[in-house]
Amino acid sequence: MMSTQPFRLEDLMDILEDKAGLPASDRTADASLTFTEIGLDSLAFLALQATLESRYGFELPDESLQNATFREIVDAVNERLEKVKA
């Protein structure tokens, strides 16, 4: 049986709204979108990284995920969380 992921798209949207200035009206449930597609830039990605580091103790790799879809980012965060727990 698959466990539910500890980090979800909703968590990502919360961080982007709280820390990266994403307007609440621009939140999305479409995990196939990217930062640029919802009007965010590299500073938003840096804000996400800083929040993940302070909250969970790790950063996402800089370049590889900056143009990733939200699904890829959520998967990467969950992958890191699994490694941290192990």
PDB file of N, CA and C in Angstrom:
ATOM      1  N   MET A   1       0.844  -1.188   0.000  1.00  0.00           N
ATOM      2  CA  MET A   1       0.000   0.000   0.000  1.00  0.00           C
ATOM      3  C   MET A   1       0.886   1.248   0.000  1.00  0.00           C
ATOM      4  N   MET A   2       0.564   2.196  -0.836  1.00  0.00           N
ATOM      5  CA  MET A   2       1.358   3.427  -0.910  1.00  0.00           C
ATOM      6  C   MET A   2       0.984   4.372   0.228  1.00  0.00           C
ATOM      7  N   SER A   3       2.011   4.959   0.802  1.00  0.00           N
ATOM      8  CA  SER A   3       1.732   5.943   1.848  1.00  0.00           C
ATOM      9  C   SER A   3       1.451   7.292   1.193  1.00  0.00           C
ATOM     10  N   THR A   4       0.719   8.117   1.897  1.00  0.00           N
ATOM     11  CA  THR A   4       0.462   9.447   1.352  1.00  0.00           C
ATOM     12  C   THR A   4       1.722  10.277   1.498  1.00  0.00           C
ATOM     13  N   GLN A   5       1.947  11.134   0.558  1.00  0.00           N
ATOM     14  CA  GLN A   5       3.154  11.941   0.584  1.00  0.00           C
ATOM     15  C   GLN A   5       3.052  12.998   1.677  1.00  0.00           C
ATOM     16  N   PRO A   6       4.141  13.179   2.426  1.00  0.00           N
ATOM     17  CA  PRO A   6       4.115  14.179   3.489  1.00  0.00           C
ATOM     18  C   PRO A   6       4.073  15.614   2.958  1.00  0.00           C
ATOM     19  N   PHE A   7       4.640  15.832   1.784  1.00  0.00           N
ATOM     20  CA  PHE A   7       4.672  17.168   1.194  1.00  0.00           C
ATOM     21  C   PHE A   7       3.797  17.147  -0.050  1.00  0.00           C
ATOM     22  N   ARG A   8       2.799  18.022  -0.094  1.00  0.00           N
ATOM     23  CA  ARG A   8       1.822  18.006  -1.193  1.00  0.00           C
ATOM     24  C   ARG A   8       1.885  19.312  -1.981  1.00  0.00           C
ATOM     25  N   LEU A   9       1.202  19.319  -3.105  1.00  0.00           N
ATOM     26  CA  LEU A   9       1.122  20.522  -3.934  1.00  0.00           C
ATOM     27  C   LEU A   9       0.559  21.683  -3.118  1.00  0.00           C
ATOM     28  N   GLU A  10      -0.405  21.393  -2.273  1.00  0.00           N
ATOM     29  CA  GLU A  10      -1.000  22.431  -1.429  1.00  0.00           C
ATOM     30  C   GLU A  10       0.056  23.072  -0.513  1.00  0.00           C
ATOM     31  N   ASP A  11       0.970  22.237   0.011  1.00  0.00           N
ATOM     32  CA  ASP A  11       2.057  22.759   0.857  1.00  0.00           C
ATOM     33  C   ASP A  11       2.970  23.677   0.050  1.00  0.00           C
ATOM     34  N   LEU A  12       3.251  23.266  -1.184  1.00  0.00           N
ATOM     35  CA  LEU A  12       4.081  24.091  -2.061  1.00  0.00           C
ATOM     36  C   LEU A  12       3.408  25.433  -2.326  1.00  0.00           C
ATOM     37  N   MET A  13       2.115  25.410  -2.616  1.00  0.00           N
ATOM     38  CA  MET A  13       1.378  26.658  -2.864  1.00  0.00           C
ATOM     39  C   MET A  13       1.369  27.543  -1.612  1.00  0.00           C
ATOM     40  N   ASP A  14       1.240  26.932  -0.428  1.00  0.00           N
ATOM     41  CA  ASP A  14       1.289  27.699   0.824  1.00  0.00           C
ATOM     42  C   ASP A  14       2.613  28.442   0.944  1.00  0.00           C
ATOM     43  N   ILE A  15       3.712  27.732   0.677  1.00  0.00           N
ATOM     44  CA  ILE A  15       5.037  28.356   0.769  1.00  0.00           C
ATOM     45  C   ILE A  15       5.152  29.484  -0.246  1.00  0.00           C
ATOM     46  N   LEU A  16       4.717  29.232  -1.477  1.00  0.00           N
ATOM     47  CA  LEU A  16       4.837  30.259  -2.519  1.00  0.00           C
ATOM     48  C   LEU A  16       3.979  31.475  -2.206  1.00  0.00           C
ATOM     49  N   GLU A  17       2.829  31.256  -1.600  1.00  0.00           N
ATOM     50  CA  GLU A  17       1.970  32.379  -1.233  1.00  0.00           C
ATOM     51  C   GLU A  17       2.573  33.150  -0.052  1.00  0.00           C
ATOM     52  N   ASP A  18       3.036  32.417   0.960  1.00  0.00           N
ATOM     53  CA  ASP A  18       3.551  33.057   2.175  1.00  0.00           C
ATOM     54  C   ASP A  18       4.917  33.704   1.981  1.00  0.00           C
ATOM     55  N   LYS A  19       5.795  33.044   1.233  1.00  0.00           N
ATOM     56  CA  LYS A  19       7.198  33.471   1.180  1.00  0.00           C
ATOM     57  C   LYS A  19       7.625  34.078  -0.145  1.00  0.00           C
ATOM     58  N   ALA A  20       6.903  33.784  -1.222  1.00  0.00           N
ATOM     59  CA  ALA A  20       7.367  34.213  -2.542  1.00  0.00           C
ATOM     60  C   ALA A  20       6.419  35.204  -3.198  1.00  0.00           C
ATOM     61  N   GLY A  21       5.399  35.635  -2.470  1.00  0.00           N
ATOM     62  CA  GLY A  21       4.517  36.661  -2.998  1.00  0.00           C
ATOM     63  C   GLY A  21       3.501  36.203  -4.020  1.00  0.00           C
ATOM     64  N   LEU A  22       3.217  34.906  -4.059  1.00  0.00           N
ATOM     65  CA  LEU A  22       2.199  34.415  -4.992  1.00  0.00           C
ATOM     66  C   LEU A  22       0.827  34.899  -4.527  1.00  0.00           C
ATOM     67  N   PRO A  23       0.109  35.640  -5.373  1.00  0.00           N
ATOM     68  CA  PRO A  23      -1.240  36.061  -4.976  1.00  0.00           C
ATOM     69  C   PRO A  23      -2.139  34.837  -4.778  1.00  0.00           C
ATOM     70  N   ALA A  24      -2.983  34.886  -3.765  1.00  0.00           N
ATOM     71  CA  ALA A  24      -3.874  33.753  -3.471  1.00  0.00           C
ATOM     72  C   ALA A  24      -4.687  33.358  -4.703  1.00  0.00           C
ATOM     73  N   SER A  25      -5.039  34.339  -5.512  1.00  0.00           N
ATOM     74  CA  SER A  25      -5.851  34.058  -6.705  1.00  0.00           C
ATOM     75  C   SER A  25      -5.069  33.288  -7.771  1.00  0.00           C
ATOM     76  N   ASP A  26      -3.729  33.257  -7.646  1.00  0.00           N
ATOM     77  CA  ASP A  26      -2.901  32.539  -8.620  1.00  0.00           C
ATOM     78  C   ASP A  26      -2.511  31.136  -8.164  1.00  0.00           C
ATOM     79  N   ARG A  27      -2.946  30.752  -6.970  1.00  0.00           N
ATOM     80  CA  ARG A  27      -2.677  29.378  -6.517  1.00  0.00           C
ATOM     81  C   ARG A  27      -3.271  28.415  -7.539  1.00  0.00           C
ATOM     82  N   THR A  28      -2.634  27.273  -7.699  1.00  0.00           N
ATOM     83  CA  THR A  28      -3.126  26.317  -8.683  1.00  0.00           C
ATOM     84  C   THR A  28      -3.124  24.906  -8.119  1.00  0.00           C
ATOM     85  N   ALA A  29      -4.012  24.085  -8.617  1.00  0.00           N
ATOM     86  CA  ALA A  29      -4.034  22.663  -8.282  1.00  0.00           C
ATOM     87  C   ALA A  29      -3.497  21.859  -9.461  1.00  0.00           C
ATOM     88  N   ASP A  30      -2.997  22.562 -10.477  1.00  0.00           N
ATOM     89  CA  ASP A  30      -2.464  21.914 -11.672  1.00  0.00           C
ATOM     90  C   ASP A  30      -0.971  21.669 -11.482  1.00  0.00           C
ATOM     91  N   ALA A  31      -0.620  20.435 -11.160  1.00  0.00           N
ATOM     92  CA  ALA A  31       0.769  20.094 -10.853  1.00  0.00           C
ATOM     93  C   ALA A  31       1.663  20.073 -12.089  1.00  0.00           C
ATOM     94  N   SER A  32       1.079  20.234 -13.273  1.00  0.00           N
ATOM     95  CA  SER A  32       1.899  20.211 -14.488  1.00  0.00           C
ATOM     96  C   SER A  32       2.433  21.598 -14.845  1.00  0.00           C
ATOM     97  N   LEU A  33       2.046  22.613 -14.079  1.00  0.00           N
ATOM     98  CA  LEU A  33       2.528  23.972 -14.341  1.00  0.00           C
ATOM     99  C   LEU A  33       3.916  24.190 -13.747  1.00  0.00           C
ATOM    100  N   THR A  34       4.551  25.287 -14.169  1.00  0.00           N
ATOM    101  CA  THR A  34       5.876  25.648 -13.662  1.00  0.00           C
ATOM    102  C   THR A  34       5.811  27.036 -13.027  1.00  0.00           C
ATOM    103  N   PHE A  35       6.914  27.430 -12.385  1.00  0.00           N
ATOM    104  CA  PHE A  35       6.993  28.760 -11.771  1.00  0.00           C
ATOM    105  C   PHE A  35       6.638  29.855 -12.771  1.00  0.00           C
ATOM    106  N   THR A  36       7.270  29.810 -13.942  1.00  0.00           N
ATOM    107  CA  THR A  36       7.054  30.862 -14.939  1.00  0.00           C
ATOM    108  C   THR A  36       5.613  30.915 -15.402  1.00  0.00           C
ATOM    109  N   GLU A  37       4.990  29.759 -15.515  1.00  0.00           N
ATOM    110  CA  GLU A  37       3.613  29.708 -16.015  1.00  0.00           C
ATOM    111  C   GLU A  37       2.607  30.350 -15.061  1.00  0.00           C
ATOM    112  N   ILE A  38       2.956  30.473 -13.781  1.00  0.00           N
ATOM    113  CA  ILE A  38       2.045  31.183 -12.872  1.00  0.00           C
ATOM    114  C   ILE A  38       2.616  32.542 -12.471  1.00  0.00           C
ATOM    115  N   GLY A  39       3.620  33.001 -13.229  1.00  0.00           N
ATOM    116  CA  GLY A  39       4.112  34.362 -13.044  1.00  0.00           C
ATOM    117  C   GLY A  39       5.178  34.538 -11.980  1.00  0.00           C
ATOM    118  N   LEU A  40       5.833  33.451 -11.565  1.00  0.00           N
ATOM    119  CA  LEU A  40       6.904  33.563 -10.575  1.00  0.00           C
ATOM    120  C   LEU A  40       8.262  33.476 -11.254  1.00  0.00           C
ATOM    121  N   ASP A  41       9.275  34.043 -10.588  1.00  0.00           N
ATOM    122  CA  ASP A  41      10.614  34.050 -11.176  1.00  0.00           C
ATOM    123  C   ASP A  41      11.599  33.284 -10.296  1.00  0.00           C
ATOM    124  N   SER A  42      12.882  33.440 -10.595  1.00  0.00           N
ATOM    125  CA  SER A  42      13.907  32.705  -9.860  1.00  0.00           C
ATOM    126  C   SER A  42      13.968  33.120  -8.395  1.00  0.00           C
ATOM    127  N   LEU A  43      13.559  34.337  -8.073  1.00  0.00           N
ATOM    128  CA  LEU A  43      13.535  34.758  -6.669  1.00  0.00           C
ATOM    129  C   LEU A  43      12.518  33.939  -5.882  1.00  0.00           C
ATOM    130  N   ALA A  44      11.421  33.583  -6.516  1.00  0.00           N
ATOM    131  CA  ALA A  44      10.421  32.734  -5.865  1.00  0.00           C
ATOM    132  C   ALA A  44      11.006  31.353  -5.583  1.00  0.00           C
ATOM    133  N   PHE A  45      11.808  30.860  -6.526  1.00  0.00           N
ATOM    134  CA  PHE A  45      12.450  29.557  -6.324  1.00  0.00           C
ATOM    135  C   PHE A  45      13.429  29.631  -5.158  1.00  0.00           C
ATOM    136  N   LEU A  46      14.179  30.736  -5.072  1.00  0.00           N
ATOM    137  CA  LEU A  46      15.115  30.920  -3.954  1.00  0.00           C
ATOM    138  C   LEU A  46      14.370  30.993  -2.627  1.00  0.00           C
ATOM    139  N   ALA A  47      13.224  31.651  -2.615  1.00  0.00           N
ATOM    140  CA  ALA A  47      12.413  31.723  -1.395  1.00  0.00           C
ATOM    141  C   ALA A  47      11.930  30.327  -0.999  1.00  0.00           C
ATOM    142  N   LEU A  48      11.553  29.529  -1.991  1.00  0.00           N
ATOM    143  CA  LEU A  48      11.141  28.150  -1.728  1.00  0.00           C
ATOM    144  C   LEU A  48      12.300  27.370  -1.124  1.00  0.00           C
ATOM    145  N   GLN A  49      13.485  27.502  -1.720  1.00  0.00           N
ATOM    146  CA  GLN A  49      14.656  26.793  -1.212  1.00  0.00           C
ATOM    147  C   GLN A  49      14.959  27.175   0.233  1.00  0.00           C
ATOM    148  N   ALA A  50      14.936  28.467   0.522  1.00  0.00           N
ATOM    149  CA  ALA A  50      15.236  28.934   1.877  1.00  0.00           C
ATOM    150  C   ALA A  50      14.224  28.376   2.877  1.00  0.00           C
ATOM    151  N   THR A  51      12.965  28.336   2.485  1.00  0.00           N
ATOM    152  CA  THR A  51      11.922  27.811   3.370  1.00  0.00           C
ATOM    153  C   THR A  51      12.104  26.318   3.602  1.00  0.00           C
ATOM    154  N   LEU A  52      12.401  25.570   2.542  1.00  0.00           N
ATOM    155  CA  LEU A  52      12.624  24.129   2.697  1.00  0.00           C
ATOM    156  C   LEU A  52      13.818  23.867   3.598  1.00  0.00           C
ATOM    157  N   GLU A  53      14.867  24.683   3.433  1.00  0.00           N
ATOM    158  CA  GLU A  53      16.060  24.489   4.253  1.00  0.00           C
ATOM    159  C   GLU A  53      15.748  24.743   5.724  1.00  0.00           C
ATOM    160  N   SER A  54      15.036  25.827   6.022  1.00  0.00           N
ATOM    161  CA  SER A  54      14.746  26.126   7.426  1.00  0.00           C
ATOM    162  C   SER A  54      13.715  25.160   8.014  1.00  0.00           C
ATOM    163  N   ARG A  55      12.765  24.729   7.205  1.00  0.00           N
ATOM    164  CA  ARG A  55      11.697  23.859   7.711  1.00  0.00           C
ATOM    165  C   ARG A  55      12.106  22.391   7.789  1.00  0.00           C
ATOM    166  N   TYR A  56      12.840  21.927   6.774  1.00  0.00           N
ATOM    167  CA  TYR A  56      13.141  20.494   6.680  1.00  0.00           C
ATOM    168  C   TYR A  56      14.628  20.163   6.737  1.00  0.00           C
ATOM    169  N   GLY A  57      15.495  21.166   6.634  1.00  0.00           N
ATOM    170  CA  GLY A  57      16.924  20.911   6.750  1.00  0.00           C
ATOM    171  C   GLY A  57      17.622  20.499   5.467  1.00  0.00           C
ATOM    172  N   PHE A  58      17.031  20.769   4.312  1.00  0.00           N
ATOM    173  CA  PHE A  58      17.710  20.492   3.042  1.00  0.00           C
ATOM    174  C   PHE A  58      17.275  21.494   1.988  1.00  0.00           C
ATOM    175  N   GLU A  59      18.101  21.608   0.958  1.00  0.00           N
ATOM    176  CA  GLU A  59      17.779  22.461  -0.196  1.00  0.00           C
ATOM    177  C   GLU A  59      17.531  21.575  -1.400  1.00  0.00           C
ATOM    178  N   LEU A  60      16.772  22.085  -2.324  1.00  0.00           N
ATOM    179  CA  LEU A  60      16.636  21.413  -3.616  1.00  0.00           C
ATOM    180  C   LEU A  60      17.831  21.811  -4.462  1.00  0.00           C
ATOM    181  N   PRO A  61      18.260  20.931  -5.365  1.00  0.00           N
ATOM    182  CA  PRO A  61      19.355  21.317  -6.258  1.00  0.00           C
ATOM    183  C   PRO A  61      18.957  22.551  -7.065  1.00  0.00           C
ATOM    184  N   ASP A  62      19.841  23.519  -7.117  1.00  0.00           N
ATOM    185  CA  ASP A  62      19.534  24.811  -7.744  1.00  0.00           C
ATOM    186  C   ASP A  62      18.963  24.708  -9.138  1.00  0.00           C
ATOM    187  N   GLU A  63      19.820  24.358 -10.055  1.00  0.00           N
ATOM    188  CA  GLU A  63      19.471  24.477 -11.467  1.00  0.00           C
ATOM    189  C   GLU A  63      18.434  23.464 -11.913  1.00  0.00           C
ATOM    190  N   SER A  64      18.540  22.252 -11.416  1.00  0.00           N
ATOM    191  CA  SER A  64      17.751  21.173 -12.004  1.00  0.00           C
ATOM    192  C   SER A  64      16.246  21.355 -11.851  1.00  0.00           C
ATOM    193  N   LEU A  65      15.805  22.023 -10.792  1.00  0.00           N
ATOM    194  CA  LEU A  65      14.360  22.099 -10.569  1.00  0.00           C
ATOM    195  C   LEU A  65      13.753  23.469 -10.832  1.00  0.00           C
ATOM    196  N   GLN A  66      14.575  24.432 -11.194  1.00  0.00           N
ATOM    197  CA  GLN A  66      14.040  25.780 -11.378  1.00  0.00           C
ATOM    198  C   GLN A  66      12.984  25.846 -12.481  1.00  0.00           C
ATOM    199  N   ASN A  67      13.123  25.014 -13.503  1.00  0.00           N
ATOM    200  CA  ASN A  67      12.142  25.001 -14.596  1.00  0.00           C
ATOM    201  C   ASN A  67      11.256  23.758 -14.556  1.00  0.00           C
ATOM    202  N   ALA A  68      11.266  23.074 -13.420  1.00  0.00           N
ATOM    203  CA  ALA A  68      10.496  21.839 -13.279  1.00  0.00           C
ATOM    204  C   ALA A  68       9.018  22.143 -13.058  1.00  0.00           C
ATOM    205  N   THR A  69       8.201  21.136 -13.298  1.00  0.00           N
ATOM    206  CA  THR A  69       6.777  21.280 -12.975  1.00  0.00           C
ATOM    207  C   THR A  69       6.615  21.190 -11.462  1.00  0.00           C
ATOM    208  N   PHE A  70       5.473  21.638 -10.977  1.00  0.00           N
ATOM    209  CA  PHE A  70       5.219  21.555  -9.540  1.00  0.00           C
ATOM    210  C   PHE A  70       5.212  20.099  -9.074  1.00  0.00           C
ATOM    211  N   ARG A  71       4.721  19.188  -9.913  1.00  0.00           N
ATOM    212  CA  ARG A  71       4.728  17.759  -9.557  1.00  0.00           C
ATOM    213  C   ARG A  71       6.161  17.284  -9.343  1.00  0.00           C
ATOM    214  N   GLU A  72       7.073  17.676 -10.228  1.00  0.00           N
ATOM    215  CA  GLU A  72       8.471  17.262 -10.088  1.00  0.00           C
ATOM    216  C   GLU A  72       9.089  17.833  -8.811  1.00  0.00           C
ATOM    217  N   ILE A  73       8.731  19.057  -8.481  1.00  0.00           N
ATOM    218  CA  ILE A  73       9.250  19.675  -7.257  1.00  0.00           C
ATOM    219  C   ILE A  73       8.709  18.950  -6.029  1.00  0.00           C
ATOM    220  N   VAL A  74       7.407  18.683  -6.003  1.00  0.00           N
ATOM    221  CA  VAL A  74       6.799  17.968  -4.874  1.00  0.00           C
ATOM    222  C   VAL A  74       7.442  16.584  -4.728  1.00  0.00           C
ATOM    223  N   ASP A  75       7.638  15.883  -5.843  1.00  0.00           N
ATOM    224  CA  ASP A  75       8.274  14.560  -5.798  1.00  0.00           C
ATOM    225  C   ASP A  75       9.697  14.658  -5.260  1.00  0.00           C
ATOM    226  N   ALA A  76      10.438  15.675  -5.688  1.00  0.00           N
ATOM    227  CA  ALA A  76      11.819  15.850  -5.225  1.00  0.00           C
ATOM    228  C   ALA A  76      11.863  16.133  -3.725  1.00  0.00           C
ATOM    229  N   VAL A  77      10.941  16.950  -3.245  1.00  0.00           N
ATOM    230  CA  VAL A  77      10.882  17.245  -1.807  1.00  0.00           C
ATOM    231  C   VAL A  77      10.581  15.963  -1.034  1.00  0.00           C
ATOM    232  N   ASN A  78       9.617  15.194  -1.493  1.00  0.00           N
ATOM    233  CA  ASN A  78       9.270  13.952  -0.801  1.00  0.00           C
ATOM    234  C   ASN A  78      10.418  12.943  -0.829  1.00  0.00           C
ATOM    235  N   GLU A  79      11.155  12.911  -1.941  1.00  0.00           N
ATOM    236  CA  GLU A  79      12.323  12.039  -2.048  1.00  0.00           C
ATOM    237  C   GLU A  79      13.361  12.432  -0.994  1.00  0.00           C
ATOM    238  N   ARG A  80      13.606  13.725  -0.875  1.00  0.00           N
ATOM    239  CA  ARG A  80      14.560  14.213   0.131  1.00  0.00           C
ATOM    240  C   ARG A  80      14.070  13.914   1.545  1.00  0.00           C
ATOM    241  N   LEU A  81      12.777  14.087   1.781  1.00  0.00           N
ATOM    242  CA  LEU A  81      12.224  13.811   3.113  1.00  0.00           C
ATOM    243  C   LEU A  81      12.412  12.344   3.485  1.00  0.00           C
ATOM    244  N   GLU A  82      12.249  11.453   2.510  1.00  0.00           N
ATOM    245  CA  GLU A  82      12.466  10.025   2.765  1.00  0.00           C
ATOM    246  C   GLU A  82      13.912   9.767   3.170  1.00  0.00           C
ATOM    247  N   LYS A  83      14.857  10.415   2.480  1.00  0.00           N
ATOM    248  CA  LYS A  83      16.282  10.232   2.787  1.00  0.00           C
ATOM    249  C   LYS A  83      16.611  10.782   4.168  1.00  0.00           C
ATOM    250  N   VAL A  84      15.996  11.901   4.518  1.00  0.00           N
ATOM    251  CA  VAL A  84      16.250  12.513   5.820  1.00  0.00           C
ATOM    252  C   VAL A  84      15.740  11.596   6.933  1.00  0.00           C
ATOM    253  N   LYS A  85      14.586  10.962   6.701  1.00  0.00           N
ATOM    254  CA  LYS A  85      13.999  10.061   7.702  1.00  0.00           C
ATOM    255  C   LYS A  85      14.805   8.776   7.866  1.00  0.00           C
ATOM    256  N   ALA A  86      15.394   8.318   6.764  1.00  0.00           N
ATOM    257  CA  ALA A  86      16.072   7.010   6.751  1.00  0.00           C
ATOM    258  C   ALA A  86      17.295   6.976   7.653  1.00  0.00           C
TER     259      ALA A  86
END
